[in-house]
PDB file of N, CA and C in Angstrom:
ATOM      1  N   MET A   1      11.273 -30.140  -4.913  1.00  0.00           N
ATOM      2  CA  MET A   1      11.714 -29.128  -5.842  1.00  0.00           C
ATOM      3  C   MET A   1      12.525 -28.063  -5.091  1.00  0.00           C
ATOM      4  N   ALA A   2      12.064 -27.636  -3.915  1.00  0.00           N
ATOM      5  CA  ALA A   2      12.779 -26.609  -3.167  1.00  0.00           C
ATOM      6  C   ALA A   2      14.107 -27.122  -2.633  1.00  0.00           C
ATOM      7  N   THR A   3      14.154 -28.383  -2.250  1.00  0.00           N
ATOM      8  CA  THR A   3      15.377 -28.948  -1.684  1.00  0.00           C
ATOM      9  C   THR A   3      16.471 -29.098  -2.732  1.00  0.00           C
ATOM     10  N   PHE A   4      16.116 -29.550  -3.927  1.00  0.00           N
ATOM     11  CA  PHE A   4      17.109 -29.841  -4.957  1.00  0.00           C
ATOM     12  C   PHE A   4      17.093 -28.833  -6.107  1.00  0.00           C
ATOM     13  N   SER A   5      16.646 -27.614  -5.876  1.00  0.00           N
ATOM     14  CA  SER A   5      16.542 -26.643  -6.967  1.00  0.00           C
ATOM     15  C   SER A   5      17.903 -26.269  -7.544  1.00  0.00           C
ATOM     16  N   ARG A   6      18.969 -26.402  -6.756  1.00  0.00           N
ATOM     17  CA  ARG A   6      20.321 -26.064  -7.226  1.00  0.00           C
ATOM     18  C   ARG A   6      21.021 -27.253  -7.895  1.00  0.00           C
ATOM     19  N   SER A   7      20.394 -28.428  -7.876  1.00  0.00           N
ATOM     20  CA  SER A   7      21.009 -29.634  -8.448  1.00  0.00           C
ATOM     21  C   SER A   7      20.115 -30.199  -9.547  1.00  0.00           C
ATOM     22  N   PRO A   8      20.327 -29.766 -10.800  1.00  0.00           N
ATOM     23  CA  PRO A   8      19.450 -30.235 -11.882  1.00  0.00           C
ATOM     24  C   PRO A   8      19.561 -31.734 -12.137  1.00  0.00           C
ATOM     25  N   ASP A   9      20.713 -32.340 -11.852  1.00  0.00           N
ATOM     26  CA  ASP A   9      20.844 -33.786 -12.084  1.00  0.00           C
ATOM     27  C   ASP A   9      19.980 -34.588 -11.111  1.00  0.00           C
ATOM     28  N   VAL A  10      19.838 -34.108  -9.874  1.00  0.00           N
ATOM     29  CA  VAL A  10      18.978 -34.788  -8.900  1.00  0.00           C
ATOM     30  C   VAL A  10      17.510 -34.597  -9.282  1.00  0.00           C
ATOM     31  N   LEU A  11      17.165 -33.413  -9.785  1.00  0.00           N
ATOM     32  CA  LEU A  11      15.785 -33.183 -10.238  1.00  0.00           C
ATOM     33  C   LEU A  11      15.435 -34.111 -11.395  1.00  0.00           C
ATOM     34  N   ALA A  12      16.411 -34.379 -12.273  1.00  0.00           N
ATOM     35  CA  ALA A  12      16.167 -35.255 -13.417  1.00  0.00           C
ATOM     36  C   ALA A  12      15.856 -36.680 -12.950  1.00  0.00           C
ATOM     37  N   VAL A  13      16.443 -37.102 -11.827  1.00  0.00           N
ATOM     38  CA  VAL A  13      16.153 -38.438 -11.282  1.00  0.00           C
ATOM     39  C   VAL A  13      14.668 -38.543 -10.934  1.00  0.00           C
ATOM     40  N   PHE A  14      14.103 -37.464 -10.413  1.00  0.00           N
ATOM     41  CA  PHE A  14      12.683 -37.452 -10.053  1.00  0.00           C
ATOM     42  C   PHE A  14      11.780 -37.098 -11.229  1.00  0.00           C
ATOM     43  N   GLY A  15      12.371 -36.838 -12.396  1.00  0.00           N
ATOM     44  CA  GLY A  15      11.588 -36.514 -13.580  1.00  0.00           C
ATOM     45  C   GLY A  15      11.160 -35.057 -13.632  1.00  0.00           C
ATOM     46  N   LEU A  16      11.868 -34.180 -12.919  1.00  0.00           N
ATOM     47  CA  LEU A  16      11.524 -32.760 -12.891  1.00  0.00           C
ATOM     48  C   LEU A  16      12.578 -31.955 -13.651  1.00  0.00           C
ATOM     49  N   ALA A  17      12.144 -30.915 -14.297  1.00  0.00           N
ATOM     50  CA  ALA A  17      13.066 -30.031 -15.004  1.00  0.00           C
ATOM     51  C   ALA A  17      13.357 -28.829 -14.114  1.00  0.00           C
ATOM     52  N   PRO A  18      14.570 -28.298 -14.150  1.00  0.00           N
ATOM     53  CA  PRO A  18      14.871 -27.118 -13.332  1.00  0.00           C
ATOM     54  C   PRO A  18      14.099 -25.900 -13.832  1.00  0.00           C
ATOM     55  N   ARG A  19      13.898 -24.950 -12.951  1.00  0.00           N
ATOM     56  CA  ARG A  19      13.185 -23.729 -13.325  1.00  0.00           C
ATOM     57  C   ARG A  19      14.001 -22.932 -14.325  1.00  0.00           C
ATOM     58  N   LYS A  20      13.309 -22.344 -15.262  1.00  0.00           N
ATOM     59  CA  LYS A  20      13.977 -21.501 -16.235  1.00  0.00           C
ATOM     60  C   LYS A  20      14.155 -20.114 -15.627  1.00  0.00           C
ATOM     61  N   THR A  21      15.345 -19.577 -15.758  1.00  0.00           N
ATOM     62  CA  THR A  21      15.590 -18.230 -15.261  1.00  0.00           C
ATOM     63  C   THR A  21      15.912 -17.332 -16.444  1.00  0.00           C
ATOM     64  N   THR A  22      15.257 -16.206 -16.491  1.00  0.00           N
ATOM     65  CA  THR A  22      15.499 -15.231 -17.550  1.00  0.00           C
ATOM     66  C   THR A  22      15.747 -13.873 -16.918  1.00  0.00           C
ATOM     67  N   THR A  23      16.570 -13.096 -17.561  1.00  0.00           N
ATOM     68  CA  THR A  23      16.834 -11.736 -17.122  1.00  0.00           C
ATOM     69  C   THR A  23      16.051 -10.804 -18.029  1.00  0.00           C
ATOM     70  N   PRO A  24      15.225  -9.930 -17.466  1.00  0.00           N
ATOM     71  CA  PRO A  24      14.448  -9.025 -18.318  1.00  0.00           C
ATOM     72  C   PRO A  24      15.358  -8.059 -19.066  1.00  0.00           C
ATOM     73  N   THR A  25      14.973  -7.748 -20.289  1.00  0.00           N
ATOM     74  CA  THR A  25      15.757  -6.819 -21.102  1.00  0.00           C
ATOM     75  C   THR A  25      15.493  -5.387 -20.657  1.00  0.00           C
ATOM     76  N   VAL A  26      16.302  -4.480 -21.139  1.00  0.00           N
ATOM     77  CA  VAL A  26      16.147  -3.066 -20.805  1.00  0.00           C
ATOM     78  C   VAL A  26      14.801  -2.551 -21.303  1.00  0.00           C
ATOM     79  N   GLN A  27      14.372  -3.004 -22.464  1.00  0.00           N
ATOM     80  CA  GLN A  27      13.095  -2.558 -23.020  1.00  0.00           C
ATOM     81  C   GLN A  27      11.930  -3.035 -22.149  1.00  0.00           C
ATOM     82  N   VAL A  28      12.010  -4.261 -21.646  1.00  0.00           N
ATOM     83  CA  VAL A  28      10.948  -4.795 -20.795  1.00  0.00           C
ATOM     84  C   VAL A  28      10.889  -4.021 -19.484  1.00  0.00           C
ATOM     85  N   LEU A  29      12.057  -3.722 -18.902  1.00  0.00           N
ATOM     86  CA  LEU A  29      12.090  -2.959 -17.652  1.00  0.00           C
ATOM     87  C   LEU A  29      11.569  -1.542 -17.846  1.00  0.00           C
ATOM     88  N   ALA A  30      11.910  -0.917 -18.959  1.00  0.00           N
ATOM     89  CA  ALA A  30      11.436   0.447 -19.232  1.00  0.00           C
ATOM     90  C   ALA A  30       9.921   0.466 -19.444  1.00  0.00           C
ATOM     91  N   ALA A  31       9.405  -0.538 -20.155  1.00  0.00           N
ATOM     92  CA  ALA A  31       7.960  -0.613 -20.376  1.00  0.00           C
ATOM     93  C   ALA A  31       7.222  -0.833 -19.069  1.00  0.00           C
ATOM     94  N   ALA A  32       7.784  -1.670 -18.186  1.00  0.00           N
ATOM     95  CA  ALA A  32       7.151  -1.926 -16.892  1.00  0.00           C
ATOM     96  C   ALA A  32       7.143  -0.668 -16.035  1.00  0.00           C
ATOM     97  N   ALA A  33       8.239   0.094 -16.053  1.00  0.00           N
ATOM     98  CA  ALA A  33       8.295   1.332 -15.275  1.00  0.00           C
ATOM     99  C   ALA A  33       7.290   2.350 -15.795  1.00  0.00           C
ATOM    100  N   ALA A  34       7.160   2.468 -17.105  1.00  0.00           N
ATOM    101  CA  ALA A  34       6.188   3.398 -17.683  1.00  0.00           C
ATOM    102  C   ALA A  34       4.763   2.982 -17.334  1.00  0.00           C
ATOM    103  N   LYS A  35       4.511   1.687 -17.359  1.00  0.00           N
ATOM    104  CA  LYS A  35       3.178   1.181 -17.019  1.00  0.00           C
ATOM    105  C   LYS A  35       2.838   1.462 -15.562  1.00  0.00           C
ATOM    106  N   ARG A  36       3.823   1.245 -14.647  1.00  0.00           N
ATOM    107  CA  ARG A  36       3.594   1.531 -13.228  1.00  0.00           C
ATOM    108  C   ARG A  36       3.289   2.998 -13.011  1.00  0.00           C
ATOM    109  N   GLU A  37       4.052   3.870 -13.656  1.00  0.00           N
ATOM    110  CA  GLU A  37       3.849   5.310 -13.502  1.00  0.00           C
ATOM    111  C   GLU A  37       2.469   5.729 -14.014  1.00  0.00           C
ATOM    112  N   ALA A  38       2.053   5.173 -15.141  1.00  0.00           N
ATOM    113  CA  ALA A  38       0.734   5.500 -15.693  1.00  0.00           C
ATOM    114  C   ALA A  38      -0.379   5.011 -14.775  1.00  0.00           C
ATOM    115  N   THR A  39      -0.203   3.840 -14.182  1.00  0.00           N
ATOM    116  CA  THR A  39      -1.213   3.304 -13.267  1.00  0.00           C
ATOM    117  C   THR A  39      -1.324   4.161 -12.016  1.00  0.00           C
ATOM    118  N   ARG A  40      -0.170   4.564 -11.452  1.00  0.00           N
ATOM    119  CA  ARG A  40      -0.190   5.416 -10.256  1.00  0.00           C
ATOM    120  C   ARG A  40      -0.871   6.746 -10.558  1.00  0.00           C
ATOM    121  N   LYS A  41      -0.615   7.296 -11.735  1.00  0.00           N
ATOM    122  CA  LYS A  41      -1.221   8.577 -12.100  1.00  0.00           C
ATOM    123  C   LYS A  41      -2.731   8.429 -12.301  1.00  0.00           C
ATOM    124  N   ALA A  42      -3.145   7.333 -12.936  1.00  0.00           N
ATOM    125  CA  ALA A  42      -4.572   7.103 -13.196  1.00  0.00           C
ATOM    126  C   ALA A  42      -5.341   6.874 -11.905  1.00  0.00           C
ATOM    127  N   ARG A  43      -4.733   6.188 -10.946  1.00  0.00           N
ATOM    128  CA  ARG A  43      -5.407   5.889  -9.681  1.00  0.00           C
ATOM    129  C   ARG A  43      -5.151   6.938  -8.615  1.00  0.00           C
ATOM    130  N   ASN A  44      -4.300   7.915  -8.915  1.00  0.00           N
ATOM    131  CA  ASN A  44      -3.909   8.952  -7.963  1.00  0.00           C
ATOM    132  C   ASN A  44      -3.307   8.314  -6.712  1.00  0.00           C
ATOM    133  N   THR A  45      -2.440   7.330  -6.943  1.00  0.00           N
ATOM    134  CA  THR A  45      -1.780   6.625  -5.855  1.00  0.00           C
ATOM    135  C   THR A  45      -0.561   7.418  -5.424  1.00  0.00           C
ATOM    136  N   MET A  46      -0.368   7.541  -4.117  1.00  0.00           N
ATOM    137  CA  MET A  46       0.763   8.289  -3.589  1.00  0.00           C
ATOM    138  C   MET A  46       1.512   7.437  -2.571  1.00  0.00           C
ATOM    139  N   GLY A  47       2.750   7.787  -2.373  1.00  0.00           N
ATOM    140  CA  GLY A  47       3.544   7.160  -1.332  1.00  0.00           C
ATOM    141  C   GLY A  47       3.212   7.784   0.013  1.00  0.00           C
ATOM    142  N   SER A  48       3.781   7.233   1.081  1.00  0.00           N
ATOM    143  CA  SER A  48       3.451   7.714   2.422  1.00  0.00           C
ATOM    144  C   SER A  48       3.910   9.156   2.628  1.00  0.00           C
ATOM    145  N   LYS A  49       5.064   9.529   2.105  1.00  0.00           N
ATOM    146  CA  LYS A  49       5.543  10.901   2.274  1.00  0.00           C
ATOM    147  C   LYS A  49       4.739  11.870   1.421  1.00  0.00           C
ATOM    148  N   GLN A  50       4.290  11.446   0.258  1.00  0.00           N
ATOM    149  CA  GLN A  50       3.451  12.298  -0.577  1.00  0.00           C
ATOM    150  C   GLN A  50       2.093  12.520   0.075  1.00  0.00           C
ATOM    151  N   ARG A  51       1.539  11.492   0.725  1.00  0.00           N
ATOM    152  CA  ARG A  51       0.245  11.647   1.409  1.00  0.00           C
ATOM    153  C   ARG A  51       0.359  12.628   2.562  1.00  0.00           C
ATOM    154  N   LYS A  52       1.495  12.605   3.273  1.00  0.00           N
ATOM    155  CA  LYS A  52       1.670  13.529   4.391  1.00  0.00           C
ATOM    156  C   LYS A  52       1.710  14.977   3.932  1.00  0.00           C
ATOM    157  N   ALA A  53       2.152  15.211   2.706  1.00  0.00           N
ATOM    158  CA  ALA A  53       2.256  16.569   2.194  1.00  0.00           C
ATOM    159  C   ALA A  53       0.901  17.134   1.768  1.00  0.00           C
ATOM    160  N   VAL A  54      -0.107  16.292   1.582  1.00  0.00           N
ATOM    161  CA  VAL A  54      -1.423  16.750   1.135  1.00  0.00           C
ATOM    162  C   VAL A  54      -2.169  17.360   2.310  1.00  0.00           C
ATOM    163  N   LYS A  55      -2.592  18.589   2.143  1.00  0.00           N
ATOM    164  CA  LYS A  55      -3.362  19.291   3.173  1.00  0.00           C
ATOM    165  C   LYS A  55      -4.693  19.715   2.567  1.00  0.00           C
ATOM    166  N   GLY A  56      -5.755  19.530   3.319  1.00  0.00           N
ATOM    167  CA  GLY A  56      -7.075  19.898   2.832  1.00  0.00           C
ATOM    168  C   GLY A  56      -7.390  21.355   3.141  1.00  0.00           C
ATOM    169  N   ALA A  57      -8.145  21.974   2.247  1.00  0.00           N
ATOM    170  CA  ALA A  57      -8.578  23.346   2.457  1.00  0.00           C
ATOM    171  C   ALA A  57     -10.084  23.317   2.699  1.00  0.00           C
ATOM    172  N   VAL A  58     -10.491  23.683   3.897  1.00  0.00           N
ATOM    173  CA  VAL A  58     -11.900  23.653   4.264  1.00  0.00           C
ATOM    174  C   VAL A  58     -12.418  25.081   4.272  1.00  0.00           C
ATOM    175  N   THR A  59     -13.518  25.315   3.554  1.00  0.00           N
ATOM    176  CA  THR A  59     -14.140  26.639   3.530  1.00  0.00           C
ATOM    177  C   THR A  59     -15.621  26.484   3.799  1.00  0.00           C
ATOM    178  N   GLY A  60     -16.207  27.509   4.354  1.00  0.00           N
ATOM    179  CA  GLY A  60     -17.647  27.512   4.582  1.00  0.00           C
ATOM    180  C   GLY A  60     -18.083  26.734   5.807  1.00  0.00           C
ATOM    181  N   VAL A  61     -17.216  26.457   6.730  1.00  0.00           N
ATOM    182  CA  VAL A  61     -17.574  25.721   7.938  1.00  0.00           C
ATOM    183  C   VAL A  61     -17.611  26.699   9.099  1.00  0.00           C
ATOM    184  N   VAL A  62     -18.726  26.682   9.826  1.00  0.00           N
ATOM    185  CA  VAL A  62     -18.871  27.548  10.983  1.00  0.00           C
ATOM    186  C   VAL A  62     -18.780  26.683  12.233  1.00  0.00           C
ATOM    187  N   VAL A  63     -17.879  27.046  13.124  1.00  0.00           N
ATOM    188  CA  VAL A  63     -17.697  26.292  14.358  1.00  0.00           C
ATOM    189  C   VAL A  63     -18.453  27.007  15.459  1.00  0.00           C
ATOM    190  N   THR A  64     -19.380  26.290  16.102  1.00  0.00           N
ATOM    191  CA  THR A  64     -20.166  26.860  17.183  1.00  0.00           C
ATOM    192  C   THR A  64     -19.566  26.406  18.501  1.00  0.00           C
ATOM    193  N   PRO A  65     -19.135  27.354  19.350  1.00  0.00           N
ATOM    194  CA  PRO A  65     -18.542  26.946  20.620  1.00  0.00           C
ATOM    195  C   PRO A  65     -19.610  26.389  21.562  1.00  0.00           C
ATOM    196  N   VAL A  66     -19.217  25.413  22.336  1.00  0.00           N
ATOM    197  CA  VAL A  66     -20.120  24.807  23.305  1.00  0.00           C
ATOM    198  C   VAL A  66     -19.859  25.482  24.641  1.00  0.00           C
ATOM    199  N   VAL A  67     -20.931  26.043  25.226  1.00  0.00           N
ATOM    200  CA  VAL A  67     -20.811  26.729  26.504  1.00  0.00           C
ATOM    201  C   VAL A  67     -21.424  25.836  27.561  1.00  0.00           C
ATOM    202  N   ALA A  68     -20.682  25.600  28.632  1.00  0.00           N
ATOM    203  CA  ALA A  68     -21.174  24.757  29.712  1.00  0.00           C
ATOM    204  C   ALA A  68     -22.238  25.502  30.505  1.00  0.00           C
ATOM    205  N   GLY A  69     -23.273  24.785  30.845  1.00  0.00           N
ATOM    206  CA  GLY A  69     -24.353  25.374  31.631  1.00  0.00           C
ATOM    207  C   GLY A  69     -24.053  25.244  33.113  1.00  0.00           C
ATOM    208  N   PRO A  70     -25.035  25.571  33.951  1.00  0.00           N
ATOM    209  CA  PRO A  70     -24.830  25.462  35.389  1.00  0.00           C
ATOM    210  C   PRO A  70     -24.653  23.994  35.776  1.00  0.00           C
ATOM    211  N   PRO A  71     -23.877  23.720  36.809  1.00  0.00           N
ATOM    212  CA  PRO A  71     -23.667  22.326  37.211  1.00  0.00           C
ATOM    213  C   PRO A  71     -24.972  21.693  37.689  1.00  0.00           C
ATOM    214  N   ILE A  72     -25.123  20.430  37.415  1.00  0.00           N
ATOM    215  CA  ILE A  72     -26.327  19.696  37.802  1.00  0.00           C
ATOM    216  C   ILE A  72     -26.053  19.013  39.138  1.00  0.00           C
ATOM    217  N   GLU A  73     -26.990  19.213  40.090  1.00  0.00           N
ATOM    218  CA  GLU A  73     -26.815  18.615  41.404  1.00  0.00           C
ATOM    219  C   GLU A  73     -27.375  17.201  41.375  1.00  0.00           C
ATOM    220  N   PRO A  74     -26.686  16.233  41.993  1.00  0.00           N
ATOM    221  CA  PRO A  74     -27.167  14.858  42.004  1.00  0.00           C
ATOM    222  C   PRO A  74     -28.416  14.714  42.843  1.00  0.00           C
ATOM    223  N   LEU A  75     -29.285  13.775  42.483  1.00  0.00           N
ATOM    224  CA  LEU A  75     -30.487  13.495  43.235  1.00  0.00           C
ATOM    225  C   LEU A  75     -30.118  12.690  44.477  1.00  0.00           C
ATOM    226  N   HIS A  76     -30.737  13.085  45.592  1.00  0.00           N
ATOM    227  CA  HIS A  76     -30.497  12.338  46.827  1.00  0.00           C
ATOM    228  C   HIS A  76     -31.607  11.330  47.014  1.00  0.00           C
ATOM    229  N   THR A  77     -31.261  10.083  47.065  1.00  0.00           N
ATOM    230  CA  THR A  77     -32.270   9.043  47.293  1.00  0.00           C
ATOM    231  C   THR A  77     -32.083   8.508  48.699  1.00  0.00           C
ATOM    232  N   ALA A  78     -33.152   8.429  49.424  1.00  0.00           N
ATOM    233  CA  ALA A  78     -33.049   7.984  50.794  1.00  0.00           C
ATOM    234  C   ALA A  78     -33.598   6.613  50.979  1.00  0.00           C
TER     235      ALA A  78
END
């Protein structure tokens, strides 16, 4: 089928019908675009550049600094 897809007469020899090709109408394309937009909005799906623009606001977090203690001397084993 892949080899002879451009030659319908050769496909007929093997008993195969060529693939039907249709061009979507303007109404079908518009409905598909509206459906995609509604799905993205419902799922809160974003593109990569839109995700980069999202920044989180963190409140109520207290950061405790870590202070190093005195250095620990290694044990000498004899």
